[in-house]
Amino acid sequence: MAGWLVSDSAARRMYAGGRGDATARRFARFWAAVFRLGLAPKRWVTLEVPGRRTGRVTGFPLGMADHDGHWFLVSMLGEQCNWVRNVRANGGRAVIHRRRRTPCRLVEVPAGDRAPILRRYVRKAPGARPHIPVDPAAPVSEFAAVAARYPVFRVERRPG
């Protein structure tokens, strides 16, 4: 299935080795600004989290999946994605930025519970489709087969 801004193969090339190339970083800066301003639908946000080594807050443009009344963040690039490593190092504390900053706690979902969330995510986040090797129309069992490779975090609001 073709990506919504670039082809699937181009999207995979932009993130070869799990890190974005210069083009991917330019797209990320642009989308982070758009999502922060709230110029996209509710599911598109900028996640702000301190770097695990520098402590400098970095913004990551992400799409969220809604499932069973909760919102979830999914790492389309897997375990070694920088935002995942930073969130884990920060004990799940982060900020979701969409028009205003909302402090939150990201709670990692066990691999056995991820499949229906991954399916919803792939259906709602077109940019993730080239990276998660399951057809959006596939049964949940196919998502369960790859669930351990893609971290999922439930977004919980936290005070101030």
N, C-alpha and C. Protein backbone atom coordinates (compact mmCIF):
# COMPACT_ATOMS: atom_id res chain seq x y z
N MET A 1 0.85 -1.18 0.00
CA MET A 1 0.00 0.00 0.00
C MET A 1 0.88 1.24 0.00
N ALA A 2 0.58 2.18 -0.82
CA ALA A 2 1.40 3.38 -0.94
C ALA A 2 1.27 4.26 0.29
N GLY A 3 2.39 4.86 0.71
CA GLY A 3 2.36 5.79 1.83
C GLY A 3 1.58 7.04 1.45
N TRP A 4 1.22 7.83 2.42
CA TRP A 4 0.39 8.99 2.13
C TRP A 4 1.18 10.19 1.68
N LEU A 5 2.48 10.26 1.96
CA LEU A 5 3.30 11.35 1.44
C LEU A 5 4.44 10.85 0.56
N VAL A 6 4.93 9.68 0.86
CA VAL A 6 6.02 9.07 0.10
C VAL A 6 5.69 7.60 -0.09
N SER A 7 6.39 6.96 -1.01
CA SER A 7 6.15 5.54 -1.24
C SER A 7 6.60 4.73 -0.02
N ASP A 8 6.10 3.51 0.09
CA ASP A 8 6.49 2.63 1.20
C ASP A 8 8.00 2.39 1.21
N SER A 9 8.57 2.14 0.04
CA SER A 9 10.01 1.86 0.00
C SER A 9 10.82 3.11 0.40
N ALA A 10 10.37 4.28 -0.02
CA ALA A 10 11.07 5.52 0.37
C ALA A 10 10.96 5.74 1.87
N ALA A 11 9.79 5.45 2.45
CA ALA A 11 9.62 5.60 3.90
C ALA A 11 10.55 4.66 4.65
N ARG A 12 10.67 3.42 4.18
CA ARG A 12 11.59 2.47 4.85
C ARG A 12 13.03 2.93 4.73
N ARG A 13 13.40 3.45 3.54
CA ARG A 13 14.78 3.95 3.35
C ARG A 13 15.08 5.13 4.27
N MET A 14 14.09 6.01 4.50
CA MET A 14 14.31 7.17 5.36
C MET A 14 14.63 6.75 6.79
N TYR A 15 14.19 5.55 7.19
CA TYR A 15 14.41 5.07 8.56
C TYR A 15 15.26 3.81 8.60
N ALA A 16 16.15 3.65 7.65
CA ALA A 16 17.04 2.48 7.63
C ALA A 16 17.84 2.43 8.92
N GLY A 17 17.91 1.27 9.53
CA GLY A 17 18.65 1.12 10.78
C GLY A 17 17.91 1.67 11.98
N GLY A 18 16.64 2.04 11.83
CA GLY A 18 15.85 2.51 12.96
C GLY A 18 16.04 3.97 13.31
N ARG A 19 16.82 4.68 12.51
CA ARG A 19 17.03 6.12 12.75
C ARG A 19 16.69 6.87 11.48
N GLY A 20 16.11 8.04 11.64
CA GLY A 20 15.73 8.85 10.49
C GLY A 20 16.93 9.49 9.82
N ASP A 21 16.90 9.54 8.49
CA ASP A 21 17.94 10.25 7.75
C ASP A 21 17.60 11.74 7.74
N ALA A 22 18.34 12.53 6.98
CA ALA A 22 18.12 13.98 6.97
C ALA A 22 16.71 14.34 6.50
N THR A 23 16.20 13.63 5.51
CA THR A 23 14.84 13.90 5.03
C THR A 23 13.83 13.60 6.12
N ALA A 24 13.99 12.47 6.79
CA ALA A 24 13.06 12.10 7.87
C ALA A 24 13.10 13.13 9.00
N ARG A 25 14.28 13.64 9.31
CA ARG A 25 14.39 14.65 10.37
C ARG A 25 13.70 15.95 9.98
N ARG A 26 13.81 16.33 8.69
CA ARG A 26 13.11 17.54 8.23
C ARG A 26 11.60 17.34 8.32
N PHE A 27 11.10 16.18 7.88
CA PHE A 27 9.67 15.88 8.01
C PHE A 27 9.26 15.93 9.48
N ALA A 28 10.07 15.35 10.35
CA ALA A 28 9.74 15.30 11.78
C ALA A 28 9.64 16.70 12.38
N ARG A 29 10.57 17.58 12.05
CA ARG A 29 10.51 18.95 12.57
C ARG A 29 9.24 19.65 12.09
N PHE A 30 8.93 19.49 10.81
CA PHE A 30 7.73 20.11 10.26
C PHE A 30 6.47 19.58 10.96
N TRP A 31 6.32 18.24 11.02
CA TRP A 31 5.11 17.66 11.61
C TRP A 31 5.02 17.93 13.11
N ALA A 32 6.14 17.97 13.80
CA ALA A 32 6.11 18.28 15.23
C ALA A 32 5.51 19.66 15.45
N ALA A 33 5.89 20.62 14.63
CA ALA A 33 5.34 21.98 14.76
C ALA A 33 3.85 21.99 14.44
N VAL A 34 3.45 21.30 13.38
CA VAL A 34 2.03 21.25 13.00
C VAL A 34 1.20 20.62 14.11
N PHE A 35 1.69 19.49 14.65
CA PHE A 35 0.93 18.77 15.68
C PHE A 35 0.87 19.57 16.97
N ARG A 36 1.98 20.25 17.35
CA ARG A 36 1.98 21.09 18.55
C ARG A 36 0.92 22.17 18.46
N LEU A 37 0.76 22.74 17.29
CA LEU A 37 -0.22 23.81 17.10
C LEU A 37 -1.66 23.31 17.05
N GLY A 38 -1.83 21.99 16.97
CA GLY A 38 -3.17 21.43 16.92
C GLY A 38 -3.82 21.58 15.55
N LEU A 39 -3.01 21.64 14.49
CA LEU A 39 -3.53 21.82 13.14
C LEU A 39 -3.88 20.51 12.46
N ALA A 40 -3.79 19.43 13.16
CA ALA A 40 -4.14 18.10 12.64
C ALA A 40 -5.17 17.48 13.57
N PRO A 41 -5.81 16.40 13.16
CA PRO A 41 -6.79 15.75 14.05
C PRO A 41 -6.19 15.36 15.40
N LYS A 42 -7.07 15.12 16.35
CA LYS A 42 -6.70 14.87 17.75
C LYS A 42 -5.64 13.79 17.94
N ARG A 43 -5.63 12.78 17.11
CA ARG A 43 -4.70 11.66 17.31
C ARG A 43 -3.25 12.02 17.01
N TRP A 44 -2.99 13.14 16.37
CA TRP A 44 -1.63 13.54 16.01
C TRP A 44 -1.09 14.52 17.04
N VAL A 45 0.02 14.13 17.69
CA VAL A 45 0.58 14.92 18.79
C VAL A 45 2.09 15.00 18.66
N THR A 46 2.67 15.87 19.46
CA THR A 46 4.12 15.89 19.62
C THR A 46 4.42 15.40 21.03
N LEU A 47 5.20 14.34 21.12
CA LEU A 47 5.63 13.80 22.41
C LEU A 47 6.92 14.50 22.79
N GLU A 48 6.95 15.08 23.99
CA GLU A 48 8.16 15.74 24.49
C GLU A 48 8.68 14.94 25.67
N VAL A 49 9.95 14.57 25.58
CA VAL A 49 10.57 13.76 26.64
C VAL A 49 12.05 14.13 26.72
N PRO A 50 12.60 14.19 27.95
CA PRO A 50 14.03 14.49 28.09
C PRO A 50 14.88 13.36 27.51
N GLY A 51 16.00 13.74 26.89
CA GLY A 51 16.93 12.75 26.37
C GLY A 51 17.56 11.96 27.51
N ARG A 52 17.80 10.70 27.31
CA ARG A 52 18.33 9.84 28.37
C ARG A 52 19.78 10.15 28.71
N ARG A 53 20.51 10.78 27.80
CA ARG A 53 21.90 11.13 28.09
C ARG A 53 22.08 12.62 28.30
N THR A 54 21.43 13.43 27.47
CA THR A 54 21.64 14.88 27.54
C THR A 54 20.68 15.57 28.49
N GLY A 55 19.50 14.99 28.68
CA GLY A 55 18.48 15.66 29.48
C GLY A 55 17.74 16.74 28.72
N ARG A 56 18.16 17.01 27.49
CA ARG A 56 17.52 18.02 26.65
C ARG A 56 16.18 17.48 26.14
N VAL A 57 15.12 18.28 26.29
CA VAL A 57 13.80 17.85 25.86
C VAL A 57 13.74 17.83 24.33
N THR A 58 13.27 16.72 23.80
CA THR A 58 13.15 16.53 22.36
C THR A 58 11.69 16.25 22.03
N GLY A 59 11.23 16.78 20.91
CA GLY A 59 9.86 16.54 20.46
C GLY A 59 9.82 15.53 19.34
N PHE A 60 8.90 14.58 19.44
CA PHE A 60 8.73 13.53 18.44
C PHE A 60 7.29 13.59 17.93
N PRO A 61 7.06 13.83 16.63
CA PRO A 61 5.70 13.82 16.10
C PRO A 61 5.20 12.39 16.00
N LEU A 62 4.06 12.11 16.62
CA LEU A 62 3.54 10.75 16.65
C LEU A 62 2.04 10.73 16.44
N GLY A 63 1.58 9.62 15.92
CA GLY A 63 0.15 9.37 15.82
C GLY A 63 -0.25 8.43 16.94
N MET A 64 -1.41 8.68 17.52
CA MET A 64 -1.89 7.81 18.60
C MET A 64 -2.99 6.90 18.07
N ALA A 65 -3.14 5.77 18.73
CA ALA A 65 -4.23 4.85 18.44
C ALA A 65 -5.20 4.88 19.60
N ASP A 66 -6.49 4.92 19.29
CA ASP A 66 -7.50 4.84 20.35
C ASP A 66 -8.05 3.42 20.36
N HIS A 67 -8.18 2.88 21.57
CA HIS A 67 -8.67 1.50 21.72
C HIS A 67 -9.26 1.34 23.11
N ASP A 68 -10.46 0.82 23.18
CA ASP A 68 -11.15 0.58 24.46
C ASP A 68 -11.15 1.80 25.38
N GLY A 69 -11.35 2.97 24.82
CA GLY A 69 -11.47 4.19 25.63
C GLY A 69 -10.15 4.78 26.09
N HIS A 70 -9.04 4.27 25.59
CA HIS A 70 -7.72 4.79 25.97
C HIS A 70 -6.96 5.21 24.72
N TRP A 71 -5.96 6.06 24.92
CA TRP A 71 -5.06 6.45 23.84
C TRP A 71 -3.73 5.75 24.04
N PHE A 72 -3.10 5.36 22.92
CA PHE A 72 -1.84 4.63 22.96
C PHE A 72 -0.85 5.21 21.97
N LEU A 73 0.43 5.20 22.35
CA LEU A 73 1.52 5.54 21.45
C LEU A 73 2.21 4.24 21.06
N VAL A 74 2.54 4.12 19.79
CA VAL A 74 3.16 2.91 19.26
C VAL A 74 4.46 3.29 18.57
N SER A 75 5.49 2.50 18.78
CA SER A 75 6.76 2.73 18.10
C SER A 75 6.77 1.94 16.80
N MET A 76 6.58 2.62 15.68
CA MET A 76 6.59 1.95 14.38
C MET A 76 7.99 1.44 14.02
N LEU A 77 9.01 1.97 14.69
CA LEU A 77 10.39 1.55 14.40
C LEU A 77 10.92 0.51 15.37
N GLY A 78 10.11 0.11 16.33
CA GLY A 78 10.51 -0.96 17.23
C GLY A 78 11.20 -0.51 18.50
N GLU A 79 11.90 -1.45 19.09
CA GLU A 79 12.52 -1.28 20.42
C GLU A 79 13.60 -0.21 20.49
N GLN A 80 14.37 -0.03 19.44
CA GLN A 80 15.54 0.85 19.51
C GLN A 80 15.23 2.30 19.16
N CYS A 81 13.97 2.62 18.98
CA CYS A 81 13.57 3.99 18.65
C CYS A 81 13.95 4.91 19.81
N ASN A 82 14.48 6.10 19.49
CA ASN A 82 14.95 7.02 20.53
C ASN A 82 13.87 7.41 21.52
N TRP A 83 12.66 7.71 21.04
CA TRP A 83 11.64 8.15 21.99
C TRP A 83 11.28 7.04 22.96
N VAL A 84 11.30 5.80 22.52
CA VAL A 84 10.99 4.67 23.41
C VAL A 84 12.07 4.56 24.49
N ARG A 85 13.32 4.64 24.09
CA ARG A 85 14.42 4.53 25.05
C ARG A 85 14.40 5.70 26.03
N ASN A 86 14.07 6.91 25.55
CA ASN A 86 14.00 8.08 26.42
C ASN A 86 12.84 7.96 27.42
N VAL A 87 11.68 7.50 26.95
CA VAL A 87 10.52 7.33 27.84
C VAL A 87 10.85 6.31 28.93
N ARG A 88 11.44 5.22 28.56
CA ARG A 88 11.80 4.19 29.56
C ARG A 88 12.79 4.74 30.57
N ALA A 89 13.79 5.49 30.09
CA ALA A 89 14.80 6.05 31.00
C ALA A 89 14.19 7.09 31.93
N ASN A 90 13.11 7.73 31.51
CA ASN A 90 12.47 8.77 32.30
C ASN A 90 11.30 8.24 33.13
N GLY A 91 11.21 6.93 33.26
CA GLY A 91 10.17 6.34 34.09
C GLY A 91 8.76 6.55 33.56
N GLY A 92 8.64 6.76 32.24
CA GLY A 92 7.33 6.94 31.64
C GLY A 92 6.80 8.36 31.69
N ARG A 93 7.51 9.26 32.35
CA ARG A 93 7.05 10.65 32.43
C ARG A 93 7.37 11.38 31.11
N ALA A 94 6.35 12.06 30.60
CA ALA A 94 6.51 12.78 29.34
C ALA A 94 5.44 13.86 29.26
N VAL A 95 5.44 14.58 28.14
CA VAL A 95 4.44 15.60 27.88
C VAL A 95 3.89 15.37 26.47
N ILE A 96 2.57 15.40 26.37
CA ILE A 96 1.92 15.38 25.06
C ILE A 96 1.58 16.83 24.74
N HIS A 97 2.03 17.29 23.57
CA HIS A 97 1.82 18.68 23.19
C HIS A 97 0.91 18.72 21.97
N ARG A 98 -0.24 19.30 22.17
CA ARG A 98 -1.21 19.55 21.10
C ARG A 98 -2.01 20.78 21.53
N ARG A 99 -1.67 21.90 21.00
CA ARG A 99 -2.19 23.22 21.41
C ARG A 99 -1.68 23.61 22.79
N ARG A 100 -1.73 22.71 23.74
CA ARG A 100 -1.16 23.00 25.07
C ARG A 100 -0.41 21.75 25.53
N ARG A 101 0.44 21.97 26.49
CA ARG A 101 1.26 20.88 27.03
C ARG A 101 0.46 20.13 28.09
N THR A 102 0.41 18.82 27.97
CA THR A 102 -0.30 17.99 28.94
C THR A 102 0.66 16.96 29.51
N PRO A 103 1.04 17.11 30.78
CA PRO A 103 1.91 16.10 31.39
C PRO A 103 1.20 14.74 31.39
N CYS A 104 1.96 13.70 31.12
CA CYS A 104 1.36 12.37 31.10
C CYS A 104 2.36 11.34 31.60
N ARG A 105 1.83 10.18 31.83
CA ARG A 105 2.65 9.01 32.18
C ARG A 105 2.38 7.98 31.11
N LEU A 106 3.42 7.42 30.52
CA LEU A 106 3.27 6.40 29.51
C LEU A 106 3.55 5.05 30.15
N VAL A 107 2.55 4.18 30.12
CA VAL A 107 2.64 2.87 30.75
C VAL A 107 2.78 1.83 29.64
N GLU A 108 3.87 1.09 29.67
CA GLU A 108 4.11 0.10 28.62
C GLU A 108 3.11 -1.05 28.71
N VAL A 109 2.57 -1.41 27.57
CA VAL A 109 1.60 -2.49 27.47
C VAL A 109 2.36 -3.80 27.23
N PRO A 110 2.03 -4.86 27.97
CA PRO A 110 2.71 -6.15 27.75
C PRO A 110 2.49 -6.64 26.31
N ALA A 111 3.49 -7.33 25.77
CA ALA A 111 3.43 -7.80 24.38
C ALA A 111 2.18 -8.61 24.09
N GLY A 112 1.71 -9.39 25.04
CA GLY A 112 0.52 -10.21 24.83
C GLY A 112 -0.76 -9.43 24.67
N ASP A 113 -0.75 -8.16 25.04
CA ASP A 113 -1.95 -7.32 24.95
C ASP A 113 -1.88 -6.30 23.81
N ARG A 114 -0.83 -6.32 23.03
CA ARG A 114 -0.60 -5.27 22.03
C ARG A 114 -1.33 -5.47 20.70
N ALA A 115 -1.65 -6.67 20.32
CA ALA A 115 -2.14 -6.97 18.97
C ALA A 115 -3.33 -6.11 18.53
N PRO A 116 -4.41 -6.00 19.31
CA PRO A 116 -5.53 -5.18 18.82
C PRO A 116 -5.18 -3.70 18.73
N ILE A 117 -4.26 -3.25 19.57
CA ILE A 117 -3.84 -1.84 19.53
C ILE A 117 -2.99 -1.60 18.27
N LEU A 118 -2.10 -2.54 17.98
CA LEU A 118 -1.29 -2.43 16.76
C LEU A 118 -2.17 -2.40 15.51
N ARG A 119 -3.18 -3.22 15.50
CA ARG A 119 -4.09 -3.25 14.35
C ARG A 119 -4.78 -1.89 14.18
N ARG A 120 -5.27 -1.35 15.26
CA ARG A 120 -5.92 -0.04 15.21
C ARG A 120 -4.93 1.04 14.75
N TYR A 121 -3.71 0.97 15.27
CA TYR A 121 -2.67 1.94 14.92
C TYR A 121 -2.37 1.91 13.42
N VAL A 122 -2.18 0.72 12.89
CA VAL A 122 -1.85 0.60 11.47
C VAL A 122 -3.00 1.10 10.60
N ARG A 123 -4.21 0.93 11.07
CA ARG A 123 -5.37 1.42 10.32
C ARG A 123 -5.46 2.95 10.36
N LYS A 124 -5.01 3.56 11.44
CA LYS A 124 -5.18 5.01 11.62
C LYS A 124 -3.94 5.84 11.31
N ALA A 125 -2.77 5.24 11.29
CA ALA A 125 -1.51 5.98 11.06
C ALA A 125 -0.88 5.49 9.75
N PRO A 126 -1.22 6.11 8.63
CA PRO A 126 -0.72 5.64 7.35
C PRO A 126 0.80 5.60 7.25
N GLY A 127 1.48 6.49 7.93
CA GLY A 127 2.94 6.51 7.88
C GLY A 127 3.59 5.30 8.53
N ALA A 128 2.84 4.58 9.36
CA ALA A 128 3.38 3.40 10.04
C ALA A 128 3.32 2.15 9.18
N ARG A 129 2.46 2.15 8.19
CA ARG A 129 2.22 0.94 7.40
C ARG A 129 3.47 0.36 6.75
N PRO A 130 4.38 1.17 6.22
CA PRO A 130 5.58 0.57 5.62
C PRO A 130 6.50 -0.11 6.64
N HIS A 131 6.35 0.22 7.91
CA HIS A 131 7.28 -0.25 8.93
C HIS A 131 6.76 -1.46 9.72
N ILE A 132 5.47 -1.64 9.76
CA ILE A 132 4.88 -2.77 10.48
C ILE A 132 4.37 -3.74 9.41
N PRO A 133 4.99 -4.91 9.29
CA PRO A 133 4.75 -5.80 8.15
C PRO A 133 3.47 -6.63 8.23
N VAL A 134 2.36 -5.98 8.52
CA VAL A 134 1.07 -6.67 8.59
C VAL A 134 0.05 -5.79 7.87
N ASP A 135 -0.76 -6.41 7.03
CA ASP A 135 -1.80 -5.68 6.31
C ASP A 135 -2.82 -5.14 7.30
N PRO A 136 -3.28 -3.91 7.14
CA PRO A 136 -4.26 -3.34 8.07
C PRO A 136 -5.55 -4.17 8.20
N ALA A 137 -5.90 -4.92 7.16
CA ALA A 137 -7.11 -5.74 7.20
C ALA A 137 -6.88 -7.14 7.77
N ALA A 138 -5.65 -7.45 8.14
CA ALA A 138 -5.33 -8.79 8.64
C ALA A 138 -6.00 -9.04 10.00
N PRO A 139 -6.21 -10.31 10.32
CA PRO A 139 -6.79 -10.62 11.64
C PRO A 139 -5.81 -10.28 12.77
N VAL A 140 -6.34 -10.13 13.97
CA VAL A 140 -5.54 -9.77 15.13
C VAL A 140 -4.41 -10.78 15.35
N SER A 141 -4.63 -12.03 15.02
CA SER A 141 -3.60 -13.06 15.22
C SER A 141 -2.30 -12.74 14.47
N GLU A 142 -2.41 -12.11 13.30
CA GLU A 142 -1.20 -11.74 12.56
C GLU A 142 -0.45 -10.61 13.26
N PHE A 143 -1.18 -9.71 13.90
CA PHE A 143 -0.54 -8.64 14.67
C PHE A 143 0.11 -9.22 15.93
N ALA A 144 -0.51 -10.24 16.50
CA ALA A 144 0.06 -10.88 17.70
C ALA A 144 1.42 -11.49 17.39
N ALA A 145 1.61 -11.96 16.17
CA ALA A 145 2.87 -12.58 15.78
C ALA A 145 4.04 -11.60 15.77
N VAL A 146 3.77 -10.31 15.60
CA VAL A 146 4.85 -9.31 15.56
C VAL A 146 4.81 -8.36 16.75
N ALA A 147 3.85 -8.53 17.64
CA ALA A 147 3.61 -7.57 18.73
C ALA A 147 4.83 -7.34 19.63
N ALA A 148 5.61 -8.34 19.87
CA ALA A 148 6.76 -8.18 20.77
C ALA A 148 7.81 -7.23 20.19
N ARG A 149 7.80 -7.01 18.89
CA ARG A 149 8.79 -6.15 18.23
C ARG A 149 8.43 -4.67 18.26
N TYR A 150 7.18 -4.33 18.63
CA TYR A 150 6.71 -2.95 18.55
C TYR A 150 6.16 -2.49 19.90
N PRO A 151 6.93 -1.70 20.65
CA PRO A 151 6.47 -1.22 21.96
C PRO A 151 5.20 -0.37 21.83
N VAL A 152 4.32 -0.55 22.80
CA VAL A 152 3.07 0.20 22.87
C VAL A 152 2.95 0.77 24.28
N PHE A 153 2.55 2.04 24.38
CA PHE A 153 2.41 2.71 25.68
C PHE A 153 1.02 3.30 25.80
N ARG A 154 0.36 3.03 26.92
CA ARG A 154 -0.93 3.66 27.22
C ARG A 154 -0.65 5.05 27.80
N VAL A 155 -1.36 6.05 27.30
CA VAL A 155 -1.18 7.43 27.75
C VAL A 155 -2.12 7.68 28.92
N GLU A 156 -1.54 8.05 30.07
CA GLU A 156 -2.33 8.40 31.25
C GLU A 156 -1.98 9.83 31.63
N ARG A 157 -3.01 10.63 31.83
CA ARG A 157 -2.76 12.01 32.27
C ARG A 157 -2.22 11.98 33.70
N ARG A 158 -1.37 12.95 33.99
CA ARG A 158 -0.87 13.10 35.35
C ARG A 158 -0.96 14.58 35.72
N PRO A 159 -1.18 14.87 36.96
CA PRO A 159 -1.30 16.27 37.36
C PRO A 159 -0.01 17.04 37.15
N GLY A 160 -0.17 18.32 36.78
CA GLY A 160 0.89 19.31 36.66
C GLY A 160 2.20 18.77 36.29
